[in-house]
N, C-alpha and C. Protein backbone atom coordinates (compact mmCIF):
# COMPACT_ATOMS: atom_id res chain seq x y z
N MET A 1 1.03 -1.40 0.02
CA MET A 1 -0.12 -0.52 0.22
C MET A 1 0.69 1.57 0.09
N PRO A 2 0.66 2.30 -0.66
CA PRO A 2 1.26 3.99 -0.89
C PRO A 2 1.20 4.38 0.21
N LEU A 3 2.41 4.89 1.07
CA LEU A 3 2.51 5.29 2.52
C LEU A 3 1.44 6.33 2.75
N ASP A 4 0.81 6.64 2.16
CA ASP A 4 -0.02 8.20 2.15
C ASP A 4 -1.59 7.10 2.66
N ILE A 5 -2.03 6.31 1.91
CA ILE A 5 -2.81 4.71 2.13
C ILE A 5 -3.05 4.20 3.58
N VAL A 6 -1.27 3.94 3.99
CA VAL A 6 -0.90 3.56 5.28
C VAL A 6 -1.07 5.05 6.39
N GLU A 7 -1.37 5.38 6.44
CA GLU A 7 -1.10 6.61 7.34
C GLU A 7 -2.86 7.07 7.41
N HIS A 8 -3.35 6.86 6.48
CA HIS A 8 -4.62 7.16 6.84
C HIS A 8 -5.59 5.87 6.89
N LEU A 9 -4.85 4.74 7.00
CA LEU A 9 -5.92 3.73 7.60
C LEU A 9 -4.98 3.14 8.85
N HIS A 10 -4.19 3.52 9.37
CA HIS A 10 -3.48 3.71 10.45
C HIS A 10 -4.78 4.57 10.98
N ALA A 11 -4.66 6.26 10.66
CA ALA A 11 -5.50 7.02 11.51
C ALA A 11 -6.80 6.45 12.06
N GLU A 12 -7.52 5.72 10.90
CA GLU A 12 -8.81 4.97 11.05
C GLU A 12 -8.62 3.96 11.75
N VAL A 13 -7.78 2.95 11.98
CA VAL A 13 -7.95 3.09 12.59
C VAL A 13 -8.10 3.06 14.37
N ILE A 14 -6.50 3.90 14.68
CA ILE A 14 -7.63 4.83 16.23
C ILE A 14 -8.45 5.15 16.29
N ARG A 15 -9.28 5.52 15.59
CA ARG A 15 -11.07 6.73 15.55
C ARG A 15 -11.52 5.33 15.76
N ALA A 16 -11.54 3.92 14.41
CA ALA A 16 -12.73 2.68 15.46
C ALA A 16 -12.64 3.07 16.13
N LEU A 17 -11.48 2.30 16.95
CA LEU A 17 -10.69 2.54 18.55
C LEU A 17 -11.42 3.69 19.80
N GLU A 18 -10.85 4.03 19.12
CA GLU A 18 -11.60 6.00 20.08
C GLU A 18 -12.64 4.95 20.30
N GLU A 19 -12.95 5.51 19.81
CA GLU A 19 -15.37 5.97 19.25
C GLU A 19 -15.61 4.55 19.73
N LEU A 20 -15.27 3.01 19.94
CA LEU A 20 -15.79 2.36 21.05
C LEU A 20 -15.19 2.30 22.17
N LYS A 21 -14.77 2.91 22.62
CA LYS A 21 -13.99 2.69 23.83
C LYS A 21 -13.03 2.16 24.43
N ALA A 22 -12.35 1.89 23.63
CA ALA A 22 -11.42 0.40 22.77
C ALA A 22 -9.91 0.59 24.44
N LYS A 23 -9.82 0.08 25.14
CA LYS A 23 -9.30 0.73 26.55
C LYS A 23 -7.43 0.11 25.63
N ASP A 24 -6.50 1.07 26.76
CA ASP A 24 -4.97 0.71 26.53
C ASP A 24 -4.46 0.83 25.23
N ILE A 25 -4.66 1.42 23.42
CA ILE A 25 -4.39 1.18 23.00
C ILE A 25 -2.85 1.44 22.52
N THR A 26 -2.00 0.94 21.69
CA THR A 26 -1.05 0.99 21.33
C THR A 26 -0.23 0.69 19.36
N ALA A 27 0.26 1.52 19.15
CA ALA A 27 0.34 1.04 18.16
C ALA A 27 2.31 1.18 17.45
N LEU A 28 3.03 -0.39 17.12
CA LEU A 28 3.92 -0.13 17.55
C LEU A 28 4.29 -0.30 15.24
N ASP A 29 5.72 0.42 15.73
CA ASP A 29 6.00 0.76 14.10
C ASP A 29 7.00 -0.64 14.06
N VAL A 30 6.81 -1.60 13.26
CA VAL A 30 7.28 -2.56 13.35
C VAL A 30 8.18 -3.28 11.75
N ARG A 31 8.39 -1.60 11.09
CA ARG A 31 9.44 -1.76 9.80
C ARG A 31 10.22 -1.62 10.39
N GLY A 32 10.54 -2.30 9.41
CA GLY A 32 12.51 -3.17 9.94
C GLY A 32 12.83 -4.12 11.25
N LYS A 33 11.67 -4.88 11.39
CA LYS A 33 11.77 -5.74 11.99
C LYS A 33 10.93 -7.45 11.59
N THR A 34 9.99 -6.92 10.42
CA THR A 34 9.21 -8.28 9.89
C THR A 34 8.95 -7.48 8.89
N THR A 35 8.47 -7.91 8.32
CA THR A 35 7.91 -7.88 6.82
C THR A 35 6.43 -8.28 6.63
N ILE A 36 5.40 -8.88 7.59
CA ILE A 36 4.49 -8.83 7.39
C ILE A 36 3.41 -7.87 7.34
N ALA A 37 4.19 -6.67 9.01
CA ALA A 37 3.02 -5.59 8.67
C ALA A 37 3.77 -3.90 9.27
N ASP A 38 3.64 -3.50 8.21
CA ASP A 38 4.22 -1.95 8.96
C ASP A 38 3.80 -1.61 10.34
N PHE A 39 2.57 -1.87 11.19
CA PHE A 39 2.62 -1.72 11.99
C PHE A 39 1.24 -2.80 12.28
N ILE A 40 1.08 -2.36 14.56
CA ILE A 40 0.60 -3.44 14.86
C ILE A 40 -0.08 -2.54 15.77
N ILE A 41 -1.31 -3.21 15.47
CA ILE A 41 -2.20 -2.02 16.53
C ILE A 41 -3.06 -3.50 17.75
N ILE A 42 -2.37 -2.70 19.09
CA ILE A 42 -2.84 -3.20 20.05
C ILE A 42 -3.76 -3.12 20.61
N ALA A 43 -5.32 -3.65 21.32
CA ALA A 43 -5.75 -2.33 21.78
C ALA A 43 -6.72 -3.59 22.94
N SER A 44 -7.61 -2.91 23.47
CA SER A 44 -8.06 -3.73 25.09
C SER A 44 -10.07 -3.53 24.81
N GLY A 45 -10.37 -5.01 25.29
CA GLY A 45 -11.85 -5.06 25.58
C GLY A 45 -12.34 -5.62 26.67
N THR A 46 -13.31 -4.96 26.60
CA THR A 46 -14.21 -4.73 28.79
C THR A 46 -14.88 -6.45 28.35
N SER A 47 -15.23 -7.18 27.56
CA SER A 47 -15.59 -8.16 28.06
C SER A 47 -15.47 -8.80 26.22
N THR A 48 -16.18 -10.49 26.48
CA THR A 48 -15.28 -10.90 24.02
C THR A 48 -17.20 -9.71 23.48
N ARG A 49 -18.03 -9.49 24.12
CA ARG A 49 -18.98 -8.40 23.55
C ARG A 49 -18.79 -7.54 23.08
N HIS A 50 -17.68 -6.64 23.88
CA HIS A 50 -16.89 -5.26 23.26
C HIS A 50 -16.24 -5.48 22.03
N VAL A 51 -15.25 -6.98 22.25
CA VAL A 51 -14.15 -7.28 21.39
C VAL A 51 -14.45 -7.30 20.63
N LYS A 52 -15.96 -8.16 20.32
CA LYS A 52 -16.14 -8.33 18.98
C LYS A 52 -16.38 -7.07 18.56
N SER A 53 -16.91 -6.04 19.54
CA SER A 53 -17.92 -5.11 18.92
C SER A 53 -17.01 -3.88 17.98
N VAL A 54 -15.72 -3.96 18.84
CA VAL A 54 -14.63 -3.41 18.85
C VAL A 54 -13.91 -3.97 17.12
N SER A 55 -13.87 -5.16 17.07
CA SER A 55 -13.13 -5.49 16.38
C SER A 55 -14.21 -5.40 14.42
N ASP A 56 -15.24 -5.57 14.76
CA ASP A 56 -16.21 -4.83 14.03
C ASP A 56 -15.78 -3.65 13.50
N GLU A 57 -16.66 -3.04 14.78
CA GLU A 57 -15.53 -1.75 14.12
C GLU A 57 -14.70 -0.98 13.64
N VAL A 58 -13.44 -1.74 13.47
CA VAL A 58 -11.84 -1.90 13.36
C VAL A 58 -12.60 -1.89 11.20
N ILE A 59 -12.82 -3.40 12.03
CA ILE A 59 -13.63 -3.53 9.77
C ILE A 59 -14.72 -2.61 9.53
N LYS A 60 -15.06 -2.14 9.59
CA LYS A 60 -16.68 -1.55 8.86
C LYS A 60 -15.28 0.42 8.50
N TYR A 61 -14.66 0.68 9.41
CA TYR A 61 -13.76 2.07 9.63
C TYR A 61 -12.92 1.54 8.05
N ALA A 62 -11.94 0.96 8.47
CA ALA A 62 -11.73 0.22 7.06
C ALA A 62 -11.70 -0.41 5.44
N LYS A 63 -12.99 -0.74 5.68
CA LYS A 63 -13.96 -0.93 4.41
C LYS A 63 -14.53 0.18 3.86
N LYS A 64 -15.08 1.27 4.56
CA LYS A 64 -15.17 2.67 4.56
C LYS A 64 -13.80 3.13 3.87
N ILE A 65 -13.17 2.64 4.06
CA ILE A 65 -11.47 4.16 3.49
C ILE A 65 -11.18 3.14 1.85
N GLY A 66 -11.81 1.66 2.03
CA GLY A 66 -11.40 0.99 0.55
C GLY A 66 -10.12 0.08 0.57
N VAL A 67 -9.88 -1.11 1.88
CA VAL A 67 -9.52 -1.11 1.94
C VAL A 67 -10.14 -1.90 2.80
N MET A 68 -10.26 -3.72 2.60
CA MET A 68 -10.33 -5.11 2.33
C MET A 68 -9.74 -5.76 3.33
N PRO A 69 -10.52 -6.64 4.23
CA PRO A 69 -9.12 -6.96 5.42
C PRO A 69 -9.17 -7.91 4.20
N LEU A 70 -7.80 -8.94 5.20
CA LEU A 70 -6.93 -9.95 4.97
C LEU A 70 -7.42 -11.06 4.80
N GLY A 71 -8.35 -11.10 6.56
CA GLY A 71 -8.21 -12.07 7.79
C GLY A 71 -8.97 -11.52 8.94
N VAL A 72 -9.34 -11.97 9.26
CA VAL A 72 -9.89 -11.81 10.39
C VAL A 72 -10.31 -13.32 11.05
N GLU A 73 -9.80 -12.77 12.79
CA GLU A 73 -10.31 -14.40 12.94
C GLU A 73 -10.23 -14.01 15.23
N GLY A 74 -10.99 -15.12 15.00
CA GLY A 74 -10.93 -14.88 16.50
C GLY A 74 -12.04 -14.75 17.03
N GLN A 75 -13.05 -14.32 16.05
CA GLN A 75 -14.36 -13.43 15.73
C GLN A 75 -14.97 -14.65 17.15
N ARG A 76 -15.57 -15.80 16.19
CA ARG A 76 -16.41 -16.60 18.02
C ARG A 76 -15.42 -16.13 19.08
N GLU A 77 -14.57 -16.66 19.98
CA GLU A 77 -14.76 -16.73 21.11
C GLU A 77 -14.60 -15.16 21.30
N ALA A 78 -13.92 -14.94 20.23
CA ALA A 78 -13.91 -13.02 21.51
C ALA A 78 -12.83 -12.38 21.67
N GLU A 79 -12.76 -13.91 22.38
CA GLU A 79 -11.23 -13.16 23.35
C GLU A 79 -9.66 -12.33 23.05
N TRP A 80 -9.75 -11.98 21.81
CA TRP A 80 -8.42 -12.04 20.83
C TRP A 80 -8.94 -12.80 19.40
N VAL A 81 -9.05 -11.44 18.82
CA VAL A 81 -9.10 -11.17 17.57
C VAL A 81 -8.34 -10.16 17.01
N LEU A 82 -8.05 -10.67 15.44
CA LEU A 82 -6.87 -10.45 14.78
C LEU A 82 -7.37 -9.77 13.42
N VAL A 83 -7.30 -8.79 13.80
CA VAL A 83 -7.92 -8.30 11.78
C VAL A 83 -6.47 -7.77 11.03
N ASP A 84 -6.04 -8.16 10.16
CA ASP A 84 -5.60 -8.29 8.95
C ASP A 84 -5.75 -7.39 7.81
N LEU A 85 -5.16 -6.33 7.27
CA LEU A 85 -5.99 -5.00 7.46
C LEU A 85 -3.99 -5.12 6.05
N GLY A 86 -3.08 -5.83 6.19
CA GLY A 86 -2.18 -5.92 5.39
C GLY A 86 -0.97 -5.49 5.82
N ASP A 87 -0.62 -3.85 5.69
CA ASP A 87 0.47 -2.97 6.65
C ASP A 87 0.01 -3.16 7.70
N ILE A 88 -0.93 -3.30 8.54
CA ILE A 88 -1.96 -2.66 9.79
C ILE A 88 -2.48 -3.94 10.09
N VAL A 89 -1.70 -4.80 10.75
CA VAL A 89 -2.07 -6.04 12.16
C VAL A 89 -2.56 -5.33 12.90
N VAL A 90 -4.64 -5.95 13.29
CA VAL A 90 -5.28 -4.81 14.31
C VAL A 90 -5.00 -5.66 15.35
N HIS A 91 -5.00 -5.90 16.84
CA HIS A 91 -5.05 -6.64 17.73
C HIS A 91 -6.39 -6.38 19.17
N VAL A 92 -7.39 -7.55 19.07
CA VAL A 92 -8.06 -6.62 19.92
C VAL A 92 -8.61 -7.74 20.97
N MET A 93 -7.96 -7.55 21.86
CA MET A 93 -7.75 -8.34 23.34
C MET A 93 -8.40 -8.21 24.52
N LEU A 94 -8.67 -9.51 25.26
CA LEU A 94 -9.25 -9.41 27.51
C LEU A 94 -7.81 -8.93 27.38
N PRO A 95 -8.24 -7.71 28.59
CA PRO A 95 -6.35 -8.27 29.37
C PRO A 95 -5.80 -9.08 30.92
N ARG A 96 -7.24 -10.84 30.01
CA ARG A 96 -5.51 -11.35 30.51
C ARG A 96 -5.37 -12.03 29.76
N VAL A 97 -6.22 -12.21 28.50
CA VAL A 97 -5.31 -12.31 27.75
C VAL A 97 -4.25 -12.22 26.78
N ARG A 98 -4.34 -10.24 26.46
CA ARG A 98 -3.16 -9.19 26.67
C ARG A 98 -1.76 -9.52 27.48
N GLU A 99 -2.26 -9.96 28.53
CA GLU A 99 -1.22 -9.46 29.35
C GLU A 99 -0.41 -11.18 29.72
N PHE A 100 -1.12 -12.32 29.08
CA PHE A 100 -0.95 -13.94 28.73
C PHE A 100 0.36 -13.82 27.82
N TYR A 101 0.30 -13.28 27.23
CA TYR A 101 0.72 -12.99 25.14
C TYR A 101 1.92 -12.41 25.32
N GLY A 102 1.49 -11.23 26.17
CA GLY A 102 2.36 -9.86 25.69
C GLY A 102 3.27 -9.20 24.68
N LEU A 103 1.96 -9.03 23.77
CA LEU A 103 2.87 -9.00 22.31
C LEU A 103 3.34 -7.60 22.66
N GLU A 104 3.12 -6.81 23.41
CA GLU A 104 4.02 -5.59 23.04
C GLU A 104 5.63 -6.06 23.63
N ARG A 105 5.79 -7.00 24.68
CA ARG A 105 7.24 -6.93 25.01
C ARG A 105 7.72 -8.15 23.99
N LEU A 106 6.85 -8.37 23.11
CA LEU A 106 7.53 -9.38 22.24
C LEU A 106 8.57 -8.22 20.73
N TRP A 107 7.83 -7.33 20.77
CA TRP A 107 7.49 -6.77 19.66
C TRP A 107 9.10 -5.31 19.96
N THR A 108 9.08 -4.94 20.74
CA THR A 108 9.86 -4.39 21.63
C THR A 108 10.72 -4.91 22.06
N ALA A 109 11.07 -5.67 22.03
CA ALA A 109 12.17 -6.69 23.23
C ALA A 109 13.63 -6.59 21.98
N GLY A 110 14.35 -5.78 22.52
CA GLY A 110 16.32 -5.54 22.15
C GLY A 110 15.85 -4.51 21.08
N ALA A 111 15.00 -3.81 21.84
CA ALA A 111 14.74 -2.17 20.95
C ALA A 111 16.06 -1.31 21.12
N ASP A 112 15.83 -1.60 22.66
CA ASP A 112 16.88 -0.89 22.75
C ASP A 112 19.11 -0.83 22.41
N GLU A 113 18.79 -2.41 22.24
CA GLU A 113 20.51 -2.58 21.95
C GLU A 113 20.21 -2.40 20.21
N PHE A 114 18.79 -2.93 20.01
CA PHE A 114 19.50 -2.79 18.20
C PHE A 114 19.48 -0.72 17.76
N SER A 115 18.46 -0.02 18.59
CA SER A 115 18.60 1.55 18.58
C SER A 115 19.78 1.56 18.87
N GLU A 116 20.83 1.69 19.60
CA GLU A 116 22.63 1.50 20.25
C GLU A 116 23.31 0.87 19.24
N ALA A 117 22.85 0.14 19.29
CA ALA A 117 23.95 -0.73 17.71
C ALA A 117 23.76 0.06 16.40
N ALA A 118 22.79 0.44 16.05
CA ALA A 118 22.19 1.39 15.23
C ALA A 118 23.48 2.71 14.98
N SER A 119 23.48 2.92 16.29
CA SER A 119 23.64 4.23 16.43
C SER A 119 24.98 4.37 16.63
N ALA A 120 26.13 2.94 16.13
CA ALA A 120 27.18 3.00 16.39
C ALA A 120 28.45 3.12 15.68
């Protein structure tokens, strides 16, 4: 996707998450760490119903700007829903699931060493 579309999609995803009151929204720039996406956005829902509603809203906002999800996983159980929008992957999770898997720690592990090595 062109950068301006990715930036617009990023803003729309954040707007969708905020619209439905998702908690603890975190956007991680993973460019240079992986080829699966440029950004990973993680948010929490307060219940399975909330997680499903938030993920549905993300999908609705993406479609509104012409981006169709490549895949959506976990909507039935709705403890952790992954929405793959290509250059942006969105995870909406229950807090206990989010804590258990620690995606933020996974994607930021070694970031300090990486930035120190790059500046040396």
